[in-house]
PDB file of N, CA and C in Angstrom:
ATOM      1  N   UNK A   1      11.494 -15.279  33.091  1.00  0.00           N
ATOM      2  CA  UNK A   1      11.065 -13.979  32.622  1.00  0.00           C
ATOM      3  C   UNK A   1      10.370 -14.160  31.274  1.00  0.00           C
ATOM      4  N   UNK A   2       9.105 -13.777  31.150  1.00  0.00           N
ATOM      5  CA  UNK A   2       8.438 -13.824  29.853  1.00  0.00           C
ATOM      6  C   UNK A   2       9.084 -12.833  28.887  1.00  0.00           C
ATOM      7  N   UNK A   3       9.230 -13.256  27.639  1.00  0.00           N
ATOM      8  CA  UNK A   3       9.884 -12.423  26.630  1.00  0.00           C
ATOM      9  C   UNK A   3       9.149 -12.585  25.299  1.00  0.00           C
ATOM     10  N   UNK A   4       8.872 -11.471  24.637  1.00  0.00           N
ATOM     11  CA  UNK A   4       8.270 -11.499  23.304  1.00  0.00           C
ATOM     12  C   UNK A   4       9.094 -10.602  22.403  1.00  0.00           C
ATOM     13  N   UNK A   5       9.329 -11.064  21.179  1.00  0.00           N
ATOM     14  CA  UNK A   5      10.114 -10.299  20.218  1.00  0.00           C
ATOM     15  C   UNK A   5       9.299 -10.158  18.939  1.00  0.00           C
ATOM     16  N   UNK A   6       8.908  -8.934  18.620  1.00  0.00           N
ATOM     17  CA  UNK A   6       8.158  -8.645  17.408  1.00  0.00           C
ATOM     18  C   UNK A   6       9.109  -8.002  16.403  1.00  0.00           C
ATOM     19  N   UNK A   7       9.158  -8.538  15.207  1.00  0.00           N
ATOM     20  CA  UNK A   7       9.952  -7.953  14.133  1.00  0.00           C
ATOM     21  C   UNK A   7       8.974  -7.427  13.096  1.00  0.00           C
ATOM     22  N   UNK A   8       9.080  -6.126  12.830  1.00  0.00           N
ATOM     23  CA  UNK A   8       8.138  -5.474  11.920  1.00  0.00           C
ATOM     24  C   UNK A   8       8.912  -4.700  10.864  1.00  0.00           C
ATOM     25  N   UNK A   9       8.314  -4.496   9.686  1.00  0.00           N
ATOM     26  CA  UNK A   9       8.982  -3.684   8.676  1.00  0.00           C
ATOM     27  C   UNK A   9       9.218  -2.267   9.202  1.00  0.00           C
ATOM     28  N   UNK A  10      10.389  -1.744   8.925  1.00  0.00           N
ATOM     29  CA  UNK A  10      10.777  -0.406   9.373  1.00  0.00           C
ATOM     30  C   UNK A  10       9.772   0.651   8.918  1.00  0.00           C
ATOM     31  N   UNK A  11       9.469   1.567   9.843  1.00  0.00           N
ATOM     32  CA  UNK A  11       8.618   2.733   9.579  1.00  0.00           C
ATOM     33  C   UNK A  11       7.174   2.389   9.226  1.00  0.00           C
ATOM     34  N   UNK A  12       6.673   1.239   9.718  1.00  0.00           N
ATOM     35  CA  UNK A  12       5.278   0.885   9.456  1.00  0.00           C
ATOM     36  C   UNK A  12       4.392   1.040  10.680  1.00  0.00           C
ATOM     37  N   UNK A  13       4.998   1.321  11.832  1.00  0.00           N
ATOM     38  CA  UNK A  13       4.229   1.515  13.059  1.00  0.00           C
ATOM     39  C   UNK A  13       4.547   2.873  13.664  1.00  0.00           C
ATOM     40  N   UNK A  14       3.543   3.480  14.246  1.00  0.00           N
ATOM     41  CA  UNK A  14       3.748   4.722  14.982  1.00  0.00           C
ATOM     42  C   UNK A  14       4.280   4.388  16.368  1.00  0.00           C
ATOM     43  N   UNK A  15       4.845   5.364  17.072  1.00  0.00           N
ATOM     44  CA  UNK A  15       5.250   5.108  18.460  1.00  0.00           C
ATOM     45  C   UNK A  15       4.073   4.625  19.317  1.00  0.00           C
ATOM     46  N   UNK A  16       2.890   5.144  19.061  1.00  0.00           N
ATOM     47  CA  UNK A  16       1.710   4.731  19.823  1.00  0.00           C
ATOM     48  C   UNK A  16       1.362   3.269  19.551  1.00  0.00           C
ATOM     49  N   UNK A  17       1.507   2.826  18.315  1.00  0.00           N
ATOM     50  CA  UNK A  17       1.231   1.429  17.986  1.00  0.00           C
ATOM     51  C   UNK A  17       2.253   0.500  18.627  1.00  0.00           C
ATOM     52  N   UNK A  18       3.511   0.917  18.662  1.00  0.00           N
ATOM     53  CA  UNK A  18       4.535   0.123  19.338  1.00  0.00           C
ATOM     54  C   UNK A  18       4.226   0.022  20.826  1.00  0.00           C
ATOM     55  N   UNK A  19       3.817   1.136  21.415  1.00  0.00           N
ATOM     56  CA  UNK A  19       3.451   1.131  22.830  1.00  0.00           C
ATOM     57  C   UNK A  19       2.284   0.182  23.079  1.00  0.00           C
ATOM     58  N   UNK A  20       1.328   0.160  22.179  1.00  0.00           N
ATOM     59  CA  UNK A  20       0.183  -0.741  22.322  1.00  0.00           C
ATOM     60  C   UNK A  20       0.624  -2.204  22.259  1.00  0.00           C
ATOM     61  N   UNK A  21       1.553  -2.526  21.379  1.00  0.00           N
ATOM     62  CA  UNK A  21       2.067  -3.894  21.308  1.00  0.00           C
ATOM     63  C   UNK A  21       2.699  -4.288  22.640  1.00  0.00           C
ATOM     64  N   UNK A  22       3.518  -3.389  23.199  1.00  0.00           N
ATOM     65  CA  UNK A  22       4.180  -3.671  24.475  1.00  0.00           C
ATOM     66  C   UNK A  22       3.150  -3.853  25.587  1.00  0.00           C
ATOM     67  N   UNK A  23       2.205  -2.936  25.660  1.00  0.00           N
ATOM     68  CA  UNK A  23       1.195  -2.973  26.722  1.00  0.00           C
ATOM     69  C   UNK A  23       0.316  -4.213  26.629  1.00  0.00           C
ATOM     70  N   UNK A  24      -0.193  -4.497  25.448  1.00  0.00           N
ATOM     71  CA  UNK A  24      -1.103  -5.634  25.292  1.00  0.00           C
ATOM     72  C   UNK A  24      -0.392  -6.964  25.462  1.00  0.00           C
ATOM     73  N   UNK A  25       0.854  -7.042  25.017  1.00  0.00           N
ATOM     74  CA  UNK A  25       1.612  -8.277  25.204  1.00  0.00           C
ATOM     75  C   UNK A  25       1.889  -8.517  26.684  1.00  0.00           C
ATOM     76  N   UNK A  26       2.260  -7.459  27.393  1.00  0.00           N
ATOM     77  CA  UNK A  26       2.481  -7.575  28.831  1.00  0.00           C
ATOM     78  C   UNK A  26       1.207  -8.037  29.525  1.00  0.00           C
ATOM     79  N   UNK A  27       0.079  -7.446  29.169  1.00  0.00           N
ATOM     80  CA  UNK A  27      -1.199  -7.836  29.777  1.00  0.00           C
ATOM     81  C   UNK A  27      -1.537  -9.296  29.483  1.00  0.00           C
ATOM     82  N   UNK A  28      -1.199  -9.770  28.283  1.00  0.00           N
ATOM     83  CA  UNK A  28      -1.441 -11.175  27.956  1.00  0.00           C
ATOM     84  C   UNK A  28      -0.627 -12.094  28.866  1.00  0.00           C
ATOM     85  N   UNK A  29       0.657 -11.777  29.053  1.00  0.00           N
ATOM     86  CA  UNK A  29       1.481 -12.586  29.949  1.00  0.00           C
ATOM     87  C   UNK A  29       0.951 -12.543  31.383  1.00  0.00           C
ATOM     88  N   UNK A  30       0.502 -11.380  31.822  1.00  0.00           N
ATOM     89  CA  UNK A  30      -0.066 -11.267  33.171  1.00  0.00           C
ATOM     90  C   UNK A  30      -1.323 -12.127  33.283  1.00  0.00           C
ATOM     91  N   UNK A  31      -2.136 -12.122  32.246  1.00  0.00           N
ATOM     92  CA  UNK A  31      -3.350 -12.947  32.246  1.00  0.00           C
ATOM     93  C   UNK A  31      -3.012 -14.431  32.369  1.00  0.00           C
ATOM     94  N   UNK A  32      -1.946 -14.834  31.711  1.00  0.00           N
ATOM     95  CA  UNK A  32      -1.557 -16.248  31.716  1.00  0.00           C
ATOM     96  C   UNK A  32      -0.800 -16.635  32.985  1.00  0.00           C
ATOM     97  N   UNK A  33       0.198 -15.828  33.373  1.00  0.00           N
ATOM     98  CA  UNK A  33       1.086 -16.185  34.484  1.00  0.00           C
ATOM     99  C   UNK A  33       0.750 -15.521  35.807  1.00  0.00           C
ATOM    100  N   UNK A  34      -0.149 -14.555  35.775  1.00  0.00           N
ATOM    101  CA  UNK A  34      -0.483 -13.840  36.998  1.00  0.00           C
ATOM    102  C   UNK A  34       0.317 -12.550  37.121  1.00  0.00           C
ATOM    103  N   UNK A  35      -0.076 -11.744  38.079  1.00  0.00           N
ATOM    104  CA  UNK A  35       0.503 -10.415  38.269  1.00  0.00           C
ATOM    105  C   UNK A  35       2.013 -10.452  38.479  1.00  0.00           C
ATOM    106  N   UNK A  36       2.530 -11.545  38.991  1.00  0.00           N
ATOM    107  CA  UNK A  36       3.970 -11.640  39.243  1.00  0.00           C
ATOM    108  C   UNK A  36       4.786 -11.492  37.956  1.00  0.00           C
ATOM    109  N   UNK A  37       4.176 -11.742  36.805  1.00  0.00           N
ATOM    110  CA  UNK A  37       4.897 -11.659  35.528  1.00  0.00           C
ATOM    111  C   UNK A  37       5.119 -10.219  35.064  1.00  0.00           C
ATOM    112  N   UNK A  38       4.282  -9.284  35.518  1.00  0.00           N
ATOM    113  CA  UNK A  38       4.341  -7.915  35.007  1.00  0.00           C
ATOM    114  C   UNK A  38       5.738  -7.290  35.132  1.00  0.00           C
ATOM    115  N   UNK A  39       6.328  -7.386  36.295  1.00  0.00           N
ATOM    116  CA  UNK A  39       7.611  -6.716  36.550  1.00  0.00           C
ATOM    117  C   UNK A  39       8.763  -7.333  35.770  1.00  0.00           C
ATOM    118  N   UNK A  40       8.571  -8.552  35.270  1.00  0.00           N
ATOM    119  CA  UNK A  40       9.660  -9.247  34.589  1.00  0.00           C
ATOM    120  C   UNK A  40       9.420  -9.478  33.100  1.00  0.00           C
ATOM    121  N   UNK A  41       8.320  -8.975  32.579  1.00  0.00           N
ATOM    122  CA  UNK A  41       8.008  -9.200  31.169  1.00  0.00           C
ATOM    123  C   UNK A  41       8.792  -8.230  30.296  1.00  0.00           C
ATOM    124  N   UNK A  42       9.476  -8.780  29.295  1.00  0.00           N
ATOM    125  CA  UNK A  42      10.228  -7.966  28.350  1.00  0.00           C
ATOM    126  C   UNK A  42       9.606  -8.120  26.970  1.00  0.00           C
ATOM    127  N   UNK A  43       9.300  -7.001  26.340  1.00  0.00           N
ATOM    128  CA  UNK A  43       8.751  -7.002  24.990  1.00  0.00           C
ATOM    129  C   UNK A  43       9.660  -6.145  24.124  1.00  0.00           C
ATOM    130  N   UNK A  44      10.128  -6.713  23.035  1.00  0.00           N
ATOM    131  CA  UNK A  44      11.029  -6.024  22.131  1.00  0.00           C
ATOM    132  C   UNK A  44      10.352  -5.891  20.772  1.00  0.00           C
ATOM    133  N   UNK A  45      10.219  -4.656  20.283  1.00  0.00           N
ATOM    134  CA  UNK A  45       9.678  -4.402  18.955  1.00  0.00           C
ATOM    135  C   UNK A  45      10.845  -3.944  18.090  1.00  0.00           C
ATOM    136  N   UNK A  46      11.255  -4.800  17.174  1.00  0.00           N
ATOM    137  CA  UNK A  46      12.403  -4.506  16.308  1.00  0.00           C
ATOM    138  C   UNK A  46      11.923  -4.131  14.918  1.00  0.00           C
ATOM    139  N   UNK A  47      12.483  -3.050  14.391  1.00  0.00           N
ATOM    140  CA  UNK A  47      12.174  -2.645  13.027  1.00  0.00           C
ATOM    141  C   UNK A  47      13.237  -3.206  12.085  1.00  0.00           C
ATOM    142  N   UNK A  48      12.787  -3.901  11.059  1.00  0.00           N
ATOM    143  CA  UNK A  48      13.684  -4.505  10.087  1.00  0.00           C
ATOM    144  C   UNK A  48      13.718  -3.616   8.849  1.00  0.00           C
ATOM    145  N   UNK A  49      14.919  -3.309   8.374  1.00  0.00           N
ATOM    146  CA  UNK A  49      15.087  -2.447   7.208  1.00  0.00           C
ATOM    147  C   UNK A  49      14.379  -3.018   5.991  1.00  0.00           C
ATOM    148  N   UNK A  50      13.867  -2.130   5.153  1.00  0.00           N
ATOM    149  CA  UNK A  50      13.182  -2.542   3.931  1.00  0.00           C
ATOM    150  C   UNK A  50      14.094  -3.452   3.109  1.00  0.00           C
ATOM    151  N   UNK A  51      13.555  -4.565   2.678  1.00  0.00           N
ATOM    152  CA  UNK A  51      14.339  -5.537   1.930  1.00  0.00           C
ATOM    153  C   UNK A  51      15.120  -6.494   2.795  1.00  0.00           C
ATOM    154  N   UNK A  52      15.035  -6.339   4.114  1.00  0.00           N
ATOM    155  CA  UNK A  52      15.773  -7.189   5.039  1.00  0.00           C
ATOM    156  C   UNK A  52      14.946  -8.340   5.581  1.00  0.00           C
ATOM    157  N   UNK A  53      13.880  -8.712   4.895  1.00  0.00           N
ATOM    158  CA  UNK A  53      13.011  -9.785   5.352  1.00  0.00           C
ATOM    159  C   UNK A  53      12.335 -10.426   4.144  1.00  0.00           C
ATOM    160  N   UNK A  54      11.795 -11.597   4.334  1.00  0.00           N
ATOM    161  CA  UNK A  54      11.150 -12.277   3.224  1.00  0.00           C
ATOM    162  C   UNK A  54      10.328 -13.463   3.679  1.00  0.00           C
ATOM    163  N   UNK A  55       9.633 -14.034   2.730  1.00  0.00           N
ATOM    164  CA  UNK A  55       8.787 -15.202   2.978  1.00  0.00           C
ATOM    165  C   UNK A  55       9.032 -16.201   1.853  1.00  0.00           C
ATOM    166  N   UNK A  56       9.124 -17.455   2.196  1.00  0.00           N
ATOM    167  CA  UNK A  56       9.276 -18.539   1.213  1.00  0.00           C
ATOM    168  C   UNK A  56      10.484 -18.336   0.298  1.00  0.00           C
ATOM    169  N   UNK A  57      11.549 -17.800   0.839  1.00  0.00           N
ATOM    170  CA  UNK A  57      12.762 -17.614   0.069  1.00  0.00           C
ATOM    171  C   UNK A  57      12.772 -16.378  -0.813  1.00  0.00           C
ATOM    172  N   UNK A  58      11.722 -15.546  -0.721  1.00  0.00           N
ATOM    173  CA  UNK A  58      11.638 -14.338  -1.524  1.00  0.00           C
ATOM    174  C   UNK A  58      11.789 -13.109  -0.645  1.00  0.00           C
ATOM    175  N   UNK A  59      12.701 -12.214  -1.018  1.00  0.00           N
ATOM    176  CA  UNK A  59      12.885 -10.968  -0.293  1.00  0.00           C
ATOM    177  C   UNK A  59      11.693 -10.065  -0.592  1.00  0.00           C
ATOM    178  N   UNK A  60      11.132  -9.475   0.445  1.00  0.00           N
ATOM    179  CA  UNK A  60       9.982  -8.593   0.287  1.00  0.00           C
ATOM    180  C   UNK A  60      10.372  -7.156   0.590  1.00  0.00           C
ATOM    181  N   UNK A  61       9.710  -6.236  -0.062  1.00  0.00           N
ATOM    182  CA  UNK A  61       9.891  -4.815   0.193  1.00  0.00           C
ATOM    183  C   UNK A  61       8.531  -4.179   0.399  1.00  0.00           C
ATOM    184  N   UNK A  62       8.522  -2.984   0.988  1.00  0.00           N
ATOM    185  CA  UNK A  62       7.258  -2.285   1.177  1.00  0.00           C
ATOM    186  C   UNK A  62       6.596  -1.984  -0.152  1.00  0.00           C
ATOM    187  N   UNK A  63       7.376  -1.691  -1.178  1.00  0.00           N
ATOM    188  CA  UNK A  63       6.809  -1.425  -2.501  1.00  0.00           C
ATOM    189  C   UNK A  63       6.036  -2.640  -3.007  1.00  0.00           C
ATOM    190  N   UNK A  64       6.563  -3.824  -2.749  1.00  0.00           N
ATOM    191  CA  UNK A  64       5.891  -5.046  -3.190  1.00  0.00           C
ATOM    192  C   UNK A  64       4.594  -5.272  -2.425  1.00  0.00           C
ATOM    193  N   UNK A  65       4.540  -4.783  -1.203  1.00  0.00           N
ATOM    194  CA  UNK A  65       3.368  -4.999  -0.351  1.00  0.00           C
ATOM    195  C   UNK A  65       2.434  -3.800  -0.313  1.00  0.00           C
ATOM    196  N   UNK A  66       2.626  -2.847  -1.183  1.00  0.00           N
ATOM    197  CA  UNK A  66       1.745  -1.691  -1.224  1.00  0.00           C
ATOM    198  C   UNK A  66       2.147  -0.589  -0.278  1.00  0.00           C
ATOM    199  N   UNK A  67       3.415  -0.580   0.153  1.00  0.00           N
ATOM    200  CA  UNK A  67       3.956   0.477   1.004  1.00  0.00           C
ATOM    201  C   UNK A  67       3.099   0.790   2.224  1.00  0.00           C
ATOM    202  N   UNK A  68       3.024  -0.144   3.151  1.00  0.00           N
ATOM    203  CA  UNK A  68       2.329   0.080   4.419  1.00  0.00           C
ATOM    204  C   UNK A  68       2.962   1.259   5.126  1.00  0.00           C
ATOM    205  N   UNK A  69       2.148   2.096   5.727  1.00  0.00           N
ATOM    206  CA  UNK A  69       2.636   3.272   6.460  1.00  0.00           C
ATOM    207  C   UNK A  69       2.091   3.244   7.868  1.00  0.00           C
ATOM    208  N   UNK A  70       2.683   4.022   8.776  1.00  0.00           N
ATOM    209  CA  UNK A  70       2.184   4.041  10.145  1.00  0.00           C
ATOM    210  C   UNK A  70       0.718   4.426  10.242  1.00  0.00           C
ATOM    211  N   UNK A  71       0.199   5.193   9.310  1.00  0.00           N
ATOM    212  CA  UNK A  71      -1.197   5.610   9.416  1.00  0.00           C
ATOM    213  C   UNK A  71      -2.154   4.506   9.010  1.00  0.00           C
ATOM    214  N   UNK A  72      -1.730   3.587   8.165  1.00  0.00           N
ATOM    215  CA  UNK A  72      -2.641   2.512   7.781  1.00  0.00           C
ATOM    216  C   UNK A  72      -2.239   1.158   8.345  1.00  0.00           C
ATOM    217  N   UNK A  73      -1.128   1.071   9.065  1.00  0.00           N
ATOM    218  CA  UNK A  73      -0.654  -0.204   9.588  1.00  0.00           C
ATOM    219  C   UNK A  73      -1.605  -0.800  10.600  1.00  0.00           C
ATOM    220  N   UNK A  74      -2.377  -0.001  11.304  1.00  0.00           N
ATOM    221  CA  UNK A  74      -3.278  -0.524  12.320  1.00  0.00           C
ATOM    222  C   UNK A  74      -4.712  -0.644  11.848  1.00  0.00           C
ATOM    223  N   UNK A  75      -4.972  -0.371  10.585  1.00  0.00           N
ATOM    224  CA  UNK A  75      -6.336  -0.413  10.075  1.00  0.00           C
ATOM    225  C   UNK A  75      -6.677  -1.776   9.521  1.00  0.00           C
ATOM    226  N   UNK A  76      -7.304  -2.597  10.357  1.00  0.00           N
ATOM    227  CA  UNK A  76      -7.874  -3.824   9.875  1.00  0.00           C
ATOM    228  C   UNK A  76      -6.957  -4.914   9.700  1.00  0.00           C
TER     229      UNK A  76
END
């Protein structure tokens, strides 16, 4: 069963953007494995609480990153 797990900062994606991630990821697996993969593909979009993630040993927050919001998360 193909499986993809996306972890994103909490409240940075709209429901429509999450749906797009699920749809496009499923289509990618179908493109690679064929139509048989569609019924078994699982895509999980997990929201991580602010301050619950980091890079290079540094905890990051939305304030540090310019407070990404659902309206600008998909722009560019």
